[in-house]
Protein backbone atom coordinates (compact mmCIF):
# COMPACT_ATOMS: atom_id res chain seq x y z
CA MET A 1 -66.30 87.93 -65.63
CA TRP A 2 -67.66 90.29 -68.31
CA ARG A 3 -70.18 89.83 -71.11
CA SER A 4 -70.10 92.70 -73.55
CA GLU A 5 -70.32 93.81 -77.15
CA CYS A 6 -67.21 95.08 -78.89
CA ASN A 7 -68.11 96.97 -82.07
CA GLY A 8 -70.93 94.57 -82.88
CA LEU A 9 -69.14 91.41 -81.73
CA ASP A 10 -70.62 89.59 -78.73
CA ILE A 11 -67.83 88.42 -76.43
CA GLU A 12 -67.32 86.93 -73.00
CA VAL A 13 -64.12 87.93 -71.20
CA ASN A 14 -62.60 85.87 -68.39
CA TYR A 15 -59.32 85.35 -66.57
CA LEU A 16 -57.70 82.40 -68.32
CA THR A 17 -56.54 79.25 -66.54
CA MET A 18 -54.03 76.48 -67.18
CA THR A 19 -56.70 74.34 -68.86
CA GLU A 20 -56.83 76.89 -71.69
CA LEU A 21 -53.08 76.90 -72.42
CA GLY A 22 -53.53 75.00 -75.69
CA HIS A 23 -56.14 77.48 -76.95
CA ILE A 24 -53.88 80.41 -75.99
CA GLU A 25 -50.94 78.99 -77.92
CA ALA A 26 -53.21 78.26 -80.90
CA VAL A 27 -54.23 81.94 -81.07
CA GLN A 28 -50.57 82.98 -80.85
CA GLN A 29 -49.67 80.56 -83.66
CA ALA A 30 -52.48 81.94 -85.85
CA VAL A 31 -51.00 85.42 -85.35
CA ILE A 32 -47.47 84.19 -86.14
CA ASP A 33 -48.70 82.51 -89.34
CA THR A 34 -49.85 85.88 -90.72
CA LEU A 35 -46.72 87.88 -89.87
CA THR A 36 -44.78 89.65 -92.58
CA GLU A 37 -41.00 89.62 -92.72
CA GLY A 38 -39.43 92.18 -90.41
CA SER A 39 -42.34 92.21 -87.99
CA GLN A 40 -41.59 93.43 -84.46
CA TYR A 41 -43.77 90.71 -82.93
CA GLN A 42 -42.36 88.99 -79.83
CA SER A 43 -43.87 85.56 -79.18
CA LEU A 44 -44.06 83.99 -75.72
CA THR A 45 -42.83 80.55 -74.72
CA THR A 46 -44.97 77.94 -72.99
CA GLU A 47 -43.09 78.65 -69.75
CA GLU A 48 -43.89 82.37 -70.02
CA PHE A 49 -47.58 81.62 -70.56
CA VAL A 50 -47.54 79.30 -67.53
CA LYS A 51 -46.19 82.14 -65.36
CA LEU A 52 -48.91 84.51 -66.57
CA LEU A 53 -51.59 81.91 -65.90
CA THR A 54 -50.16 81.13 -62.45
CA ASP A 55 -50.12 84.84 -61.57
CA ARG A 56 -53.70 85.23 -62.91
CA THR A 57 -52.71 88.16 -65.11
CA LEU A 58 -54.02 86.86 -68.45
CA ILE A 59 -57.54 87.60 -69.72
CA GLY A 60 -59.17 86.23 -72.84
CA ALA A 61 -62.14 87.05 -75.04
CA TYR A 62 -64.42 84.25 -76.22
CA HIS A 63 -66.87 84.44 -79.12
CA GLU A 64 -69.37 81.59 -79.44
CA GLY A 65 -67.21 79.42 -77.19
CA THR A 66 -63.93 79.98 -79.05
CA LEU A 67 -60.97 81.96 -77.69
CA ILE A 68 -60.34 84.80 -80.16
CA ALA A 69 -58.05 87.19 -78.26
CA PHE A 70 -56.05 87.56 -75.06
CA ARG A 71 -54.14 90.29 -73.26
CA ALA A 72 -51.66 89.92 -70.42
CA LEU A 73 -50.09 91.79 -67.55
CA LEU A 74 -46.76 90.67 -66.08
CA ILE A 75 -45.51 90.78 -62.50
CA PRO A 76 -41.83 91.33 -63.41
CA PRO A 77 -38.75 89.98 -61.64
CA LEU A 78 -36.90 92.53 -59.50
CA ASP A 79 -33.74 92.53 -61.60
CA ASP A 80 -31.36 95.11 -63.07
CA GLU A 81 -33.53 95.43 -66.21
CA HIS A 82 -36.60 96.53 -64.24
CA LEU A 83 -38.39 99.40 -65.97
CA GLY A 84 -38.85 101.19 -62.66
CA TYR A 85 -35.15 102.09 -62.70
CA ASP A 86 -35.54 103.65 -66.16
CA ILE A 87 -38.22 106.09 -65.01
CA GLY A 88 -36.59 106.90 -61.66
CA TYR A 89 -39.09 105.02 -59.49
CA PRO A 90 -38.06 104.42 -55.84
CA SER A 91 -36.08 101.18 -55.67
CA ASP A 92 -37.88 100.05 -52.51
CA ALA A 93 -41.24 100.21 -54.33
CA LEU A 94 -40.43 98.30 -57.52
CA ASP A 95 -42.69 95.44 -56.43
CA ARG A 96 -45.63 97.85 -56.83
CA ILE A 97 -45.11 97.97 -60.63
CA LEU A 98 -46.84 95.79 -63.23
CA TYR A 99 -45.99 95.55 -66.93
CA GLN A 100 -48.39 95.52 -69.85
CA GLU A 101 -47.42 92.36 -71.68
CA VAL A 102 -48.42 90.78 -74.99
CA THR A 103 -51.78 91.13 -76.76
CA ASN A 104 -52.88 88.67 -79.43
CA VAL A 105 -56.01 88.89 -81.58
CA HIS A 106 -56.87 86.03 -83.93
CA PRO A 107 -56.50 87.28 -87.53
CA ASP A 108 -60.15 86.42 -88.27
CA TYR A 109 -61.29 88.94 -85.64
CA ARG A 110 -59.11 91.95 -86.36
CA GLY A 111 -60.86 95.26 -86.88
CA TYR A 112 -63.19 95.03 -83.86
CA GLY A 113 -60.89 96.94 -81.51
CA LEU A 114 -60.39 93.93 -79.24
CA GLN A 115 -56.85 94.90 -78.21
CA GLN A 116 -57.96 98.24 -76.80
CA HIS A 117 -61.19 96.80 -75.37
CA LEU A 118 -59.27 94.19 -73.36
CA GLY A 119 -56.72 96.81 -72.33
CA LYS A 120 -59.41 99.07 -70.90
CA LEU A 121 -60.95 96.18 -68.96
CA LEU A 122 -57.56 95.29 -67.47
CA MET A 123 -56.79 98.89 -66.54
CA LYS A 124 -60.17 99.19 -64.80
CA GLU A 125 -59.42 96.03 -62.84
CA LEU A 126 -56.01 97.36 -61.83
CA GLU A 127 -57.51 100.55 -60.44
CA GLN A 128 -59.23 98.36 -57.82
CA ASP A 129 -56.04 96.43 -56.95
CA SER A 130 -54.18 97.91 -53.99
CA ARG A 131 -51.10 95.71 -54.57
CA PHE A 132 -49.88 97.83 -57.48
CA ASN A 133 -49.35 101.57 -57.97
CA LEU A 134 -47.97 101.80 -61.50
CA VAL A 135 -48.20 100.03 -64.85
CA CYS A 136 -45.32 100.19 -67.36
CA ALA A 137 -44.73 99.03 -70.92
CA THR A 138 -42.09 99.25 -73.64
CA VAL A 139 -42.75 100.09 -77.29
CA ALA A 140 -40.34 100.57 -80.18
CA PRO A 141 -40.39 103.98 -81.89
CA PHE A 142 -42.48 103.82 -85.09
CA ASN A 143 -44.42 100.75 -83.91
CA ILE A 144 -47.49 102.88 -84.59
CA PRO A 145 -50.30 100.44 -83.61
CA SER A 146 -48.69 99.70 -80.22
CA LEU A 147 -47.93 103.38 -79.58
CA LYS A 148 -51.55 104.31 -80.33
CA ASP A 149 -52.72 101.55 -77.99
CA LYS A 150 -50.63 102.78 -75.07
CA PHE A 151 -51.64 106.43 -75.48
CA ALA A 152 -55.32 105.42 -75.79
CA LEU A 153 -55.08 103.60 -72.45
CA GLY A 154 -53.74 106.72 -70.74
CA LEU A 155 -50.07 105.75 -70.53
CA ARG A 156 -47.38 108.37 -71.16
CA ILE A 157 -43.73 108.14 -72.18
CA GLY A 158 -41.36 108.48 -69.22
CA ALA A 159 -38.07 107.44 -70.83
CA LEU A 160 -36.44 106.52 -74.14
CA LYS A 161 -33.41 104.26 -74.00
CA PRO A 162 -31.86 101.01 -75.27
CA LYS A 163 -33.39 97.86 -73.73
CA TYR A 164 -33.30 94.13 -74.45
CA GLY A 165 -29.83 93.94 -75.94
CA GLY A 166 -29.59 97.49 -77.20
CA LYS A 167 -32.97 97.93 -78.93
CA LEU A 168 -34.34 101.48 -78.57
CA ARG A 169 -37.60 101.56 -76.62
CA TYR A 170 -40.04 104.08 -75.23
CA ILE A 171 -40.79 103.33 -71.57
CA PHE A 172 -44.48 104.03 -70.93
CA MET A 173 -46.00 104.52 -67.48
CA LYS A 174 -49.31 105.26 -65.76
CA GLU A 175 -50.26 105.73 -62.11
CA LEU A 176 -53.16 103.48 -61.11
CA HIS A 177 -54.60 105.39 -58.16
CA SER A 178 -53.84 109.01 -59.06
CA ASP A 179 -53.83 111.25 -62.14
CA TRP A 180 -50.78 113.01 -63.55
CA LYS A 181 -51.40 116.61 -64.56
CA SER A 182 -49.29 118.78 -66.86
CA ALA A 183 -48.24 122.22 -65.63
CA GLY A 184 -49.03 123.56 -69.10
CA ASP A 185 -45.70 123.49 -70.97
CA THR A 186 -45.93 121.70 -74.34
CA THR A 187 -43.72 121.04 -77.36
CA TRP A 188 -43.67 118.63 -80.31
CA LEU A 189 -40.71 116.56 -81.53
CA ASP A 190 -40.22 114.28 -84.51
CA MET A 191 -40.27 110.64 -83.41
CA GLY A 192 -36.93 110.15 -85.11
CA GLU A 193 -35.21 112.87 -83.07
CA THR A 194 -33.87 110.51 -80.43
CA GLU A 195 -31.35 112.78 -78.70
CA GLN A 196 -33.79 115.67 -78.37
CA GLN A 197 -36.48 113.40 -76.92
CA VAL A 198 -34.06 111.83 -74.44
CA ALA A 199 -32.97 115.29 -73.29
CA LEU A 200 -36.56 116.41 -72.66
CA LEU A 201 -37.44 113.21 -70.81
CA LYS A 202 -34.39 113.53 -68.56
CA ALA A 203 -35.47 117.13 -67.83
CA GLY A 204 -38.83 115.96 -66.49
CA TRP A 205 -41.02 116.11 -69.60
CA PHE A 206 -43.41 113.29 -70.61
CA GLY A 207 -44.65 112.13 -74.02
CA THR A 208 -48.44 112.28 -73.92
CA THR A 209 -49.74 111.71 -77.46
CA MET A 210 -48.69 111.64 -81.10
CA THR A 211 -49.91 112.81 -84.50
CA ARG A 212 -49.06 112.37 -88.14
CA ASP A 213 -47.68 115.32 -90.11
CA GLY A 214 -47.31 114.30 -93.74
CA ASN A 215 -44.68 111.56 -93.74
CA ARG A 216 -43.57 112.33 -90.19
CA TRP A 217 -44.82 111.21 -86.80
CA LEU A 218 -44.64 113.83 -84.07
CA VAL A 219 -44.73 113.20 -80.31
CA LYS A 220 -46.26 115.77 -77.97
CA TYR A 221 -44.21 116.42 -74.84
CA GLU A 222 -45.60 118.08 -71.72
CA ARG A 223 -44.42 118.97 -68.24
């Protein structure tokens, strides 16, 4: 699929198949083995990996013949929890939405920027896919690495609300075949100011980037 160099690391990236399921789960286990207590990591089951492989929405990076990282997209079920409802997307077009799913990088290969590299490759592929119009993702406030990843890939915050049993999540979104443009209005809010952020988002603002200000993280909102 692609041969490339990622910050000095030679890799080959391909869509993964069912024959590689064991290697995929081995990478996930290596990640789990290094987790600290209280981590926000969400592992996938074998059945969930099988769905991703069946849908051909899982890509992996190989280095010298060994799988070292993978990143997935998910074709979600059309249920009441669908993220399209959270951002006000037309209900008759929910099947045009994909989710950004899990990314795993083997601990031995962290620091090369593989997560973002694979994300950019997937986004470029999606731009050529007429089946889907929008990609969405959820990230917990203060999960700084994941927030940085989503902003770097051009996603913006479209909602902030409880998901998955009441856990507060930013709902990220990005059009695949058009570009969103701000009218020029901007403001910054502390990431911890939940009510103020929710009010802006409901009024048609979007979170477009973030920055650190001393001990605080600020989110830039535009409309």
